[in-house]
Amino acid sequence: MKEYIKKRLLADGYAAENGLEQTVENLMNLQGESMQMLKVWLDTGRVPDFEPIEGIDKAFLRKKLKMKDPAIILARAMLQTDAQAVAWFKSLAK
């Protein structure tokens, strides 16, 4: 699965020299709903919508922060588990 994720990231425009290996590891370590989102993306090329977390949703991450799908999945996981990440994302929303 690791190599498949790596190939998908490269096809999606991620550069090998910009932390690709760490991004792959982070994606492989996802759990629960975030892992399900990753599987949907791998199967369909689309990230499902999710309920906003502290006012942050997929549209904000994509439009305001210009995140690609895998980054959106990782950001959602961070929003669910990391209070500092929530504060940081909220500061960007202002």
Protein backbone atom coordinates (compact mmCIF):
# COMPACT_ATOMS: atom_id res chain seq x y z
CA MET A 1 0.00 0.00 0.00
CA LYS A 2 2.88 2.34 0.75
CA GLU A 3 4.15 2.34 -2.83
CA TYR A 4 0.63 2.78 -4.20
CA ILE A 5 0.06 5.85 -2.00
CA LYS A 6 3.44 7.24 -3.06
CA LYS A 7 2.56 6.81 -6.75
CA ARG A 8 -0.82 8.48 -6.22
CA LEU A 9 0.79 11.43 -4.46
CA LEU A 10 3.30 11.87 -7.26
CA ALA A 11 0.50 11.68 -9.83
CA ASP A 12 -1.38 14.30 -7.80
CA GLY A 13 1.52 16.74 -8.09
CA TYR A 14 3.46 16.13 -4.90
CA ALA A 15 7.21 16.58 -5.31
CA ALA A 16 9.45 13.76 -4.14
CA GLU A 17 11.87 16.20 -2.53
CA ASN A 18 9.23 17.99 -0.44
CA GLY A 19 8.61 15.51 2.37
CA LEU A 20 6.88 12.88 0.26
CA GLU A 21 8.06 9.98 2.43
CA GLN A 22 6.79 11.63 5.62
CA THR A 23 3.45 12.38 3.98
CA VAL A 24 3.12 8.72 2.97
CA GLU A 25 3.93 7.63 6.52
CA ASN A 26 1.42 10.08 7.97
CA LEU A 27 -1.29 8.82 5.62
CA MET A 28 -0.53 5.19 6.42
CA ASN A 29 -0.81 5.93 10.15
CA LEU A 30 -4.33 7.36 9.91
CA GLN A 31 -7.10 5.65 11.84
CA GLY A 32 -10.87 5.59 11.99
CA GLU A 33 -12.82 7.99 9.79
CA SER A 34 -9.67 9.62 8.45
CA MET A 35 -8.41 6.24 7.21
CA GLN A 36 -11.80 5.67 5.59
CA MET A 37 -11.45 9.02 3.83
CA LEU A 38 -8.04 7.96 2.56
CA LYS A 39 -9.47 4.71 1.22
CA VAL A 40 -12.25 6.59 -0.57
CA TRP A 41 -9.70 8.93 -2.11
CA LEU A 42 -7.52 6.02 -3.22
CA ASP A 43 -10.53 4.25 -4.75
CA THR A 44 -12.30 7.23 -6.32
CA GLY A 45 -9.91 10.17 -6.43
CA ARG A 46 -12.35 12.21 -4.33
CA VAL A 47 -12.37 13.26 -0.70
CA PRO A 48 -15.78 12.95 0.97
CA ASP A 49 -17.22 16.01 2.65
CA PHE A 50 -17.04 16.07 6.43
CA GLU A 51 -18.79 17.98 9.15
CA PRO A 52 -16.92 21.15 10.09
CA ILE A 53 -14.59 20.82 13.06
CA GLU A 54 -14.40 24.06 15.03
CA GLY A 55 -15.67 25.80 11.89
CA ILE A 56 -13.03 24.28 9.58
CA ASP A 57 -14.31 22.20 6.68
CA LYS A 58 -13.12 20.75 3.39
CA ALA A 59 -14.07 23.86 1.41
CA PHE A 60 -11.98 26.10 3.68
CA LEU A 61 -8.97 23.79 3.47
CA ARG A 62 -9.21 23.55 -0.32
CA LYS A 63 -10.10 27.13 -1.23
CA LYS A 64 -8.43 29.24 1.45
CA LEU A 65 -5.37 27.08 2.15
CA LYS A 66 -5.08 25.56 -1.36
CA MET A 67 -4.71 22.05 0.05
CA LYS A 68 -4.74 19.00 -2.17
CA ASP A 69 -6.89 16.02 -1.24
CA PRO A 70 -4.30 14.08 0.80
CA ALA A 71 -3.45 17.22 2.78
CA ILE A 72 -7.16 17.73 3.49
CA ILE A 73 -7.36 14.20 4.86
CA LEU A 74 -4.34 14.78 7.10
CA ALA A 75 -5.67 18.16 8.23
CA ARG A 76 -9.00 16.60 9.20
CA ALA A 77 -7.19 13.99 11.28
CA MET A 78 -5.19 16.73 13.00
CA LEU A 79 -8.33 18.75 13.69
CA GLN A 80 -9.84 15.75 15.46
CA THR A 81 -6.87 14.97 17.65
CA ASP A 82 -4.68 18.03 18.15
CA ALA A 83 -5.90 21.11 20.00
CA GLN A 84 -2.88 23.11 18.81
CA ALA A 85 -3.73 22.27 15.19
CA VAL A 86 -7.31 23.44 15.78
CA ALA A 87 -6.03 26.77 17.12
CA TRP A 88 -3.62 27.16 14.21
CA PHE A 89 -6.27 26.43 11.56
CA LYS A 90 -8.70 28.78 13.28
CA SER A 91 -6.09 31.54 13.23
CA LEU A 92 -5.81 31.12 9.47
CA ALA A 93 -9.56 31.45 9.07
CA LYS A 94 -9.53 35.04 10.35
